[in-house]
């Protein structure tokens, strides 16, 4: 192993995994939803943010759509 290295001659490269990194977002969720995932986090040892991401990823993979039938029941709709 050298005592010193000259990094000025190194060529830079683009990280090929940057497109696969997670994007931070701000989202508002009900206390009951956060509590649900936090309790699941305590049971599994997986961070609750990761559990939410896993659940949403599964929804995407299964092409699940939320039930919005309540919208047609609103007065004036």
PDB file of N, CA and C in Angstrom:
ATOM      1  N   UNK A   1       0.838  -1.179   0.000  1.00  0.00           N
ATOM      2  CA  UNK A   1       0.000   0.000   0.000  1.00  0.00           C
ATOM      3  C   UNK A   1       0.879   1.238   0.000  1.00  0.00           C
ATOM      4  N   UNK A   2       0.552   2.174  -0.877  1.00  0.00           N
ATOM      5  CA  UNK A   2       1.345   3.397  -0.964  1.00  0.00           C
ATOM      6  C   UNK A   2       1.089   4.284   0.247  1.00  0.00           C
ATOM      7  N   UNK A   3       2.079   5.092   0.557  1.00  0.00           N
ATOM      8  CA  UNK A   3       1.927   6.033   1.662  1.00  0.00           C
ATOM      9  C   UNK A   3       1.017   7.181   1.249  1.00  0.00           C
ATOM     10  N   UNK A   4       1.086   7.589  -0.016  1.00  0.00           N
ATOM     11  CA  UNK A   4       0.231   8.663  -0.539  1.00  0.00           C
ATOM     12  C   UNK A   4      -0.265   8.276  -1.918  1.00  0.00           C
ATOM     13  N   UNK A   5      -1.455   8.745  -2.260  1.00  0.00           N
ATOM     14  CA  UNK A   5      -2.047   8.491  -3.569  1.00  0.00           C
ATOM     15  C   UNK A   5      -2.331   9.820  -4.234  1.00  0.00           C
ATOM     16  N   UNK A   6      -2.185   9.869  -5.552  1.00  0.00           N
ATOM     17  CA  UNK A   6      -2.476  11.084  -6.319  1.00  0.00           C
ATOM     18  C   UNK A   6      -3.852  10.936  -6.971  1.00  0.00           C
ATOM     19  N   UNK A   7      -4.878  11.519  -6.348  1.00  0.00           N
ATOM     20  CA  UNK A   7      -6.238  11.414  -6.845  1.00  0.00           C
ATOM     21  C   UNK A   7      -6.535  12.395  -7.982  1.00  0.00           C
ATOM     22  N   UNK A   8      -5.634  13.311  -8.253  1.00  0.00           N
ATOM     23  CA  UNK A   8      -5.869  14.285  -9.322  1.00  0.00           C
ATOM     24  C   UNK A   8      -5.845  13.632 -10.704  1.00  0.00           C
ATOM     25  N   UNK A   9      -5.249  12.468 -10.822  1.00  0.00           N
ATOM     26  CA  UNK A   9      -5.176  11.792 -12.120  1.00  0.00           C
ATOM     27  C   UNK A   9      -6.323  10.806 -12.336  1.00  0.00           C
ATOM     28  N   UNK A  10      -7.173  10.644 -11.325  1.00  0.00           N
ATOM     29  CA  UNK A  10      -8.281   9.697 -11.451  1.00  0.00           C
ATOM     30  C   UNK A  10      -9.371  10.257 -12.350  1.00  0.00           C
ATOM     31  N   UNK A  11     -10.006   9.371 -13.082  1.00  0.00           N
ATOM     32  CA  UNK A  11     -11.135   9.755 -13.918  1.00  0.00           C
ATOM     33  C   UNK A  11     -12.419   9.561 -13.113  1.00  0.00           C
ATOM     34  N   UNK A  12     -13.337  10.514 -13.235  1.00  0.00           N
ATOM     35  CA  UNK A  12     -14.602  10.377 -12.519  1.00  0.00           C
ATOM     36  C   UNK A  12     -15.573   9.540 -13.345  1.00  0.00           C
ATOM     37  N   UNK A  13     -16.566   8.960 -12.673  1.00  0.00           N
ATOM     38  CA  UNK A  13     -17.570   8.165 -13.364  1.00  0.00           C
ATOM     39  C   UNK A  13     -18.919   8.422 -12.711  1.00  0.00           C
ATOM     40  N   UNK A  14     -19.949   8.201 -13.460  1.00  0.00           N
ATOM     41  CA  UNK A  14     -21.301   8.407 -12.967  1.00  0.00           C
ATOM     42  C   UNK A  14     -21.781   7.143 -12.270  1.00  0.00           C
ATOM     43  N   UNK A  15     -22.407   7.326 -11.133  1.00  0.00           N
ATOM     44  CA  UNK A  15     -22.936   6.191 -10.390  1.00  0.00           C
ATOM     45  C   UNK A  15     -24.087   5.576 -11.177  1.00  0.00           C
ATOM     46  N   UNK A  16     -24.013   4.308 -11.559  1.00  0.00           N
ATOM     47  CA  UNK A  16     -25.083   3.689 -12.356  1.00  0.00           C
ATOM     48  C   UNK A  16     -26.347   3.427 -11.546  1.00  0.00           C
ATOM     49  N   UNK A  17     -26.282   3.560 -10.237  1.00  0.00           N
ATOM     50  CA  UNK A  17     -27.434   3.264  -9.391  1.00  0.00           C
ATOM     51  C   UNK A  17     -28.219   4.510  -8.983  1.00  0.00           C
ATOM     52  N   UNK A  18     -27.804   5.686  -9.422  1.00  0.00           N
ATOM     53  CA  UNK A  18     -28.501   6.904  -9.001  1.00  0.00           C
ATOM     54  C   UNK A  18     -29.947   6.937  -9.456  1.00  0.00           C
ATOM     55  N   UNK A  19     -30.269   6.322 -10.574  1.00  0.00           N
ATOM     56  CA  UNK A  19     -31.653   6.307 -11.036  1.00  0.00           C
ATOM     57  C   UNK A  19     -32.525   5.406 -10.175  1.00  0.00           C
ATOM     58  N   UNK A  20     -31.906   4.526  -9.395  1.00  0.00           N
ATOM     59  CA  UNK A  20     -32.655   3.596  -8.560  1.00  0.00           C
ATOM     60  C   UNK A  20     -32.768   4.067  -7.109  1.00  0.00           C
ATOM     61  N   UNK A  21     -32.208   5.228  -6.807  1.00  0.00           N
ATOM     62  CA  UNK A  21     -32.273   5.744  -5.447  1.00  0.00           C
ATOM     63  C   UNK A  21     -33.684   6.203  -5.129  1.00  0.00           C
ATOM     64  N   UNK A  22     -34.008   6.217  -3.866  1.00  0.00           N
ATOM     65  CA  UNK A  22     -35.327   6.667  -3.441  1.00  0.00           C
ATOM     66  C   UNK A  22     -35.358   8.189  -3.439  1.00  0.00           C
ATOM     67  N   UNK A  23     -36.513   8.727  -3.763  1.00  0.00           N
ATOM     68  CA  UNK A  23     -36.697  10.173  -3.807  1.00  0.00           C
ATOM     69  C   UNK A  23     -37.427  10.619  -2.538  1.00  0.00           C
ATOM     70  N   UNK A  24     -36.865  11.566  -1.800  1.00  0.00           N
ATOM     71  CA  UNK A  24     -37.561  12.027  -0.595  1.00  0.00           C
ATOM     72  C   UNK A  24     -38.780  12.865  -0.978  1.00  0.00           C
ATOM     73  N   UNK A  25     -39.904  12.592  -0.330  1.00  0.00           N
ATOM     74  CA  UNK A  25     -41.137  13.351  -0.564  1.00  0.00           C
ATOM     75  C   UNK A  25     -41.771  13.676   0.781  1.00  0.00           C
ATOM     76  N   UNK A  26     -42.604  14.688   0.775  1.00  0.00           N
ATOM     77  CA  UNK A  26     -43.392  15.026   1.950  1.00  0.00           C
ATOM     78  C   UNK A  26     -44.816  14.588   1.673  1.00  0.00           C
ATOM     79  N   UNK A  27     -45.390  13.846   2.594  1.00  0.00           N
ATOM     80  CA  UNK A  27     -46.746  13.339   2.411  1.00  0.00           C
ATOM     81  C   UNK A  27     -47.476  13.448   3.749  1.00  0.00           C
ATOM     82  N   UNK A  28     -48.734  13.821   3.688  1.00  0.00           N
ATOM     83  CA  UNK A  28     -49.545  13.906   4.901  1.00  0.00           C
ATOM     84  C   UNK A  28     -50.363  12.627   5.031  1.00  0.00           C
ATOM     85  N   UNK A  29     -50.233  11.993   6.196  1.00  0.00           N
ATOM     86  CA  UNK A  29     -50.964  10.759   6.463  1.00  0.00           C
ATOM     87  C   UNK A  29     -51.660  10.898   7.808  1.00  0.00           C
ATOM     88  N   UNK A  30     -52.754  10.177   7.944  1.00  0.00           N
ATOM     89  CA  UNK A  30     -53.472  10.170   9.210  1.00  0.00           C
ATOM     90  C   UNK A  30     -52.666   9.508  10.305  1.00  0.00           C
ATOM     91  N   UNK A  31     -52.931   9.932  11.545  1.00  0.00           N
ATOM     92  CA  UNK A  31     -52.230   9.333  12.685  1.00  0.00           C
ATOM     93  C   UNK A  31     -52.449   7.836  12.759  1.00  0.00           C
ATOM     94  N   UNK A  32     -53.664   7.393  12.393  1.00  0.00           N
ATOM     95  CA  UNK A  32     -53.955   5.963  12.461  1.00  0.00           C
ATOM     96  C   UNK A  32     -53.104   5.169  11.476  1.00  0.00           C
ATOM     97  N   UNK A  33     -52.849   5.751  10.307  1.00  0.00           N
ATOM     98  CA  UNK A  33     -52.031   5.069   9.301  1.00  0.00           C
ATOM     99  C   UNK A  33     -50.584   4.979   9.767  1.00  0.00           C
ATOM    100  N   UNK A  34     -50.064   6.086  10.284  1.00  0.00           N
ATOM    101  CA  UNK A  34     -48.675   6.098  10.768  1.00  0.00           C
ATOM    102  C   UNK A  34     -48.530   5.135  11.938  1.00  0.00           C
ATOM    103  N   UNK A  35     -49.496   5.148  12.851  1.00  0.00           N
ATOM    104  CA  UNK A  35     -49.448   4.242  14.002  1.00  0.00           C
ATOM    105  C   UNK A  35     -49.474   2.780  13.561  1.00  0.00           C
ATOM    106  N   UNK A  36     -50.288   2.481  12.555  1.00  0.00           N
ATOM    107  CA  UNK A  36     -50.377   1.122  12.032  1.00  0.00           C
ATOM    108  C   UNK A  36     -49.016   0.645  11.531  1.00  0.00           C
ATOM    109  N   UNK A  37     -48.365   1.455  10.708  1.00  0.00           N
ATOM    110  CA  UNK A  37     -47.073   1.050  10.143  1.00  0.00           C
ATOM    111  C   UNK A  37     -45.970   1.065  11.197  1.00  0.00           C
ATOM    112  N   UNK A  38     -46.060   1.966  12.185  1.00  0.00           N
ATOM    113  CA  UNK A  38     -45.062   1.971  13.257  1.00  0.00           C
ATOM    114  C   UNK A  38     -45.180   0.723  14.125  1.00  0.00           C
ATOM    115  N   UNK A  39     -46.419   0.293  14.395  1.00  0.00           N
ATOM    116  CA  UNK A  39     -46.574  -0.936  15.186  1.00  0.00           C
ATOM    117  C   UNK A  39     -46.089  -2.151  14.396  1.00  0.00           C
ATOM    118  N   UNK A  40     -46.337  -2.148  13.095  1.00  0.00           N
ATOM    119  CA  UNK A  40     -45.830  -3.231  12.247  1.00  0.00           C
ATOM    120  C   UNK A  40     -44.302  -3.189  12.215  1.00  0.00           C
ATOM    121  N   UNK A  41     -43.752  -1.985  12.268  1.00  0.00           N
ATOM    122  CA  UNK A  41     -42.301  -1.817  12.297  1.00  0.00           C
ATOM    123  C   UNK A  41     -41.719  -2.428  13.564  1.00  0.00           C
ATOM    124  N   UNK A  42     -42.396  -2.219  14.687  1.00  0.00           N
ATOM    125  CA  UNK A  42     -41.927  -2.799  15.951  1.00  0.00           C
ATOM    126  C   UNK A  42     -41.939  -4.323  15.892  1.00  0.00           C
ATOM    127  N   UNK A  43     -42.944  -4.879  15.218  1.00  0.00           N
ATOM    128  CA  UNK A  43     -43.055  -6.341  15.118  1.00  0.00           C
ATOM    129  C   UNK A  43     -42.000  -6.945  14.194  1.00  0.00           C
ATOM    130  N   UNK A  44     -41.718  -6.241  13.089  1.00  0.00           N
ATOM    131  CA  UNK A  44     -40.845  -6.814  12.067  1.00  0.00           C
ATOM    132  C   UNK A  44     -39.395  -6.355  12.158  1.00  0.00           C
ATOM    133  N   UNK A  45     -39.167  -5.195  12.792  1.00  0.00           N
ATOM    134  CA  UNK A  45     -37.818  -4.636  12.842  1.00  0.00           C
ATOM    135  C   UNK A  45     -37.443  -3.878  11.580  1.00  0.00           C
ATOM    136  N   UNK A  46     -38.415  -3.680  10.686  1.00  0.00           N
ATOM    137  CA  UNK A  46     -38.189  -2.929   9.453  1.00  0.00           C
ATOM    138  C   UNK A  46     -38.679  -1.497   9.682  1.00  0.00           C
ATOM    139  N   UNK A  47     -37.904  -0.477   9.315  1.00  0.00           N
ATOM    140  CA  UNK A  47     -38.364   0.909   9.509  1.00  0.00           C
ATOM    141  C   UNK A  47     -39.731   1.145   8.855  1.00  0.00           C
ATOM    142  N   UNK A  48     -40.573   1.930   9.541  1.00  0.00           N
ATOM    143  CA  UNK A  48     -41.934   2.107   9.041  1.00  0.00           C
ATOM    144  C   UNK A  48     -41.978   2.775   7.677  1.00  0.00           C
ATOM    145  N   UNK A  49     -41.022   3.664   7.364  1.00  0.00           N
ATOM    146  CA  UNK A  49     -40.993   4.269   6.034  1.00  0.00           C
ATOM    147  C   UNK A  49     -40.747   3.205   4.963  1.00  0.00           C
ATOM    148  N   UNK A  50     -39.897   2.250   5.280  1.00  0.00           N
ATOM    149  CA  UNK A  50     -39.622   1.159   4.335  1.00  0.00           C
ATOM    150  C   UNK A  50     -40.852   0.283   4.148  1.00  0.00           C
ATOM    151  N   UNK A  51     -41.603   0.046   5.237  1.00  0.00           N
ATOM    152  CA  UNK A  51     -42.828  -0.739   5.126  1.00  0.00           C
ATOM    153  C   UNK A  51     -43.858  -0.046   4.250  1.00  0.00           C
ATOM    154  N   UNK A  52     -43.994   1.259   4.423  1.00  0.00           N
ATOM    155  CA  UNK A  52     -44.926   2.021   3.584  1.00  0.00           C
ATOM    156  C   UNK A  52     -44.495   1.937   2.131  1.00  0.00           C
ATOM    157  N   UNK A  53     -43.191   2.069   1.882  1.00  0.00           N
ATOM    158  CA  UNK A  53     -42.676   1.971   0.517  1.00  0.00           C
ATOM    159  C   UNK A  53     -42.932   0.586  -0.066  1.00  0.00           C
ATOM    160  N   UNK A  54     -42.710  -0.457   0.729  1.00  0.00           N
ATOM    161  CA  UNK A  54     -42.963  -1.821   0.266  1.00  0.00           C
ATOM    162  C   UNK A  54     -44.437  -2.024  -0.078  1.00  0.00           C
ATOM    163  N   UNK A  55     -45.325  -1.495   0.766  1.00  0.00           N
ATOM    164  CA  UNK A  55     -46.754  -1.642   0.513  1.00  0.00           C
ATOM    165  C   UNK A  55     -47.152  -0.904  -0.769  1.00  0.00           C
ATOM    166  N   UNK A  56     -46.683   0.316  -0.929  1.00  0.00           N
ATOM    167  CA  UNK A  56     -47.021   1.085  -2.130  1.00  0.00           C
ATOM    168  C   UNK A  56     -46.425   0.441  -3.379  1.00  0.00           C
ATOM    169  N   UNK A  57     -45.229  -0.107  -3.261  1.00  0.00           N
ATOM    170  CA  UNK A  57     -44.608  -0.800  -4.390  1.00  0.00           C
ATOM    171  C   UNK A  57     -45.433  -2.020  -4.789  1.00  0.00           C
ATOM    172  N   UNK A  58     -45.973  -2.738  -3.778  1.00  0.00           N
ATOM    173  CA  UNK A  58     -46.830  -3.886  -4.050  1.00  0.00           C
ATOM    174  C   UNK A  58     -48.117  -3.434  -4.750  1.00  0.00           C
ATOM    175  N   UNK A  59     -48.661  -2.296  -4.339  1.00  0.00           N
ATOM    176  CA  UNK A  59     -49.855  -1.752  -5.003  1.00  0.00           C
ATOM    177  C   UNK A  59     -49.565  -1.470  -6.477  1.00  0.00           C
ATOM    178  N   UNK A  60     -48.405  -0.925  -6.757  1.00  0.00           N
ATOM    179  CA  UNK A  60     -48.015  -0.649  -8.148  1.00  0.00           C
ATOM    180  C   UNK A  60     -47.874  -1.956  -8.920  1.00  0.00           C
ATOM    181  N   UNK A  61     -47.212  -2.929  -8.318  1.00  0.00           N
ATOM    182  CA  UNK A  61     -46.978  -4.213  -8.998  1.00  0.00           C
ATOM    183  C   UNK A  61     -48.286  -4.941  -9.278  1.00  0.00           C
ATOM    184  N   UNK A  62     -49.248  -4.834  -8.369  1.00  0.00           N
ATOM    185  CA  UNK A  62     -50.535  -5.511  -8.533  1.00  0.00           C
ATOM    186  C   UNK A  62     -51.567  -4.638  -9.244  1.00  0.00           C
ATOM    187  N   UNK A  63     -51.171  -3.433  -9.639  1.00  0.00           N
ATOM    188  CA  UNK A  63     -52.051  -2.475 -10.321  1.00  0.00           C
ATOM    189  C   UNK A  63     -53.335  -2.229  -9.524  1.00  0.00           C
ATOM    190  N   UNK A  64     -53.170  -2.079  -8.205  1.00  0.00           N
ATOM    191  CA  UNK A  64     -54.324  -1.809  -7.339  1.00  0.00           C
ATOM    192  C   UNK A  64     -54.729  -0.350  -7.465  1.00  0.00           C
ATOM    193  N   UNK A  65     -56.013  -0.124  -7.429  1.00  0.00           N
ATOM    194  CA  UNK A  65     -56.569   1.226  -7.476  1.00  0.00           C
ATOM    195  C   UNK A  65     -57.379   1.441  -6.197  1.00  0.00           C
ATOM    196  N   UNK A  66     -57.352   2.643  -5.647  1.00  0.00           N
ATOM    197  CA  UNK A  66     -58.149   2.887  -4.443  1.00  0.00           C
ATOM    198  C   UNK A  66     -59.639   2.903  -4.772  1.00  0.00           C
ATOM    199  N   UNK A  67     -60.445   2.543  -3.789  1.00  0.00           N
ATOM    200  CA  UNK A  67     -61.902   2.570  -3.944  1.00  0.00           C
ATOM    201  C   UNK A  67     -62.369   4.013  -3.760  1.00  0.00           C
ATOM    202  N   UNK A  68     -62.784   4.637  -4.832  1.00  0.00           N
ATOM    203  CA  UNK A  68     -63.240   6.022  -4.781  1.00  0.00           C
ATOM    204  C   UNK A  68     -64.748   6.121  -4.964  1.00  0.00           C
ATOM    205  N   UNK A  69     -65.451   5.038  -4.672  1.00  0.00           N
ATOM    206  CA  UNK A  69     -66.902   5.038  -4.869  1.00  0.00           C
ATOM    207  C   UNK A  69     -67.593   6.036  -3.955  1.00  0.00           C
ATOM    208  N   UNK A  70     -66.973   6.410  -2.845  1.00  0.00           N
ATOM    209  CA  UNK A  70     -67.551   7.381  -1.934  1.00  0.00           C
ATOM    210  C   UNK A  70     -67.726   8.751  -2.591  1.00  0.00           C
ATOM    211  N   UNK A  71     -66.936   9.055  -3.622  1.00  0.00           N
ATOM    212  CA  UNK A  71     -67.013  10.359  -4.280  1.00  0.00           C
ATOM    213  C   UNK A  71     -68.367  10.553  -4.975  1.00  0.00           C
ATOM    214  N   UNK A  72     -68.932   9.500  -5.528  1.00  0.00           N
ATOM    215  CA  UNK A  72     -70.191   9.637  -6.247  1.00  0.00           C
ATOM    216  C   UNK A  72     -71.371   9.792  -5.297  1.00  0.00           C
ATOM    217  N   UNK A  73     -71.157   9.544  -4.008  1.00  0.00           N
ATOM    218  CA  UNK A  73     -72.227   9.644  -3.030  1.00  0.00           C
ATOM    219  C   UNK A  73     -72.330  11.019  -2.379  1.00  0.00           C
ATOM    220  N   UNK A  74     -71.440  11.925  -2.727  1.00  0.00           N
ATOM    221  CA  UNK A  74     -71.465  13.258  -2.141  1.00  0.00           C
ATOM    222  C   UNK A  74     -72.625  14.068  -2.722  1.00  0.00           C
ATOM    223  N   UNK A  75     -73.253  14.900  -1.900  1.00  0.00           N
ATOM    224  CA  UNK A  75     -74.341  15.744  -2.402  1.00  0.00           C
ATOM    225  C   UNK A  75     -73.847  16.680  -3.491  1.00  0.00           C
ATOM    226  N   UNK A  76     -74.601  16.824  -4.520  1.00  0.00           N
ATOM    227  CA  UNK A  76     -74.254  17.720  -5.607  1.00  0.00           C
ATOM    228  C   UNK A  76     -73.316  17.120  -6.624  1.00  0.00           C
ATOM    229  N   UNK A  77     -72.988  15.870  -6.456  1.00  0.00           N
ATOM    230  CA  UNK A  77     -72.053  15.223  -7.391  1.00  0.00           C
ATOM    231  C   UNK A  77     -72.807  14.621  -8.561  1.00  0.00           C
TER     232      UNK A  77
END
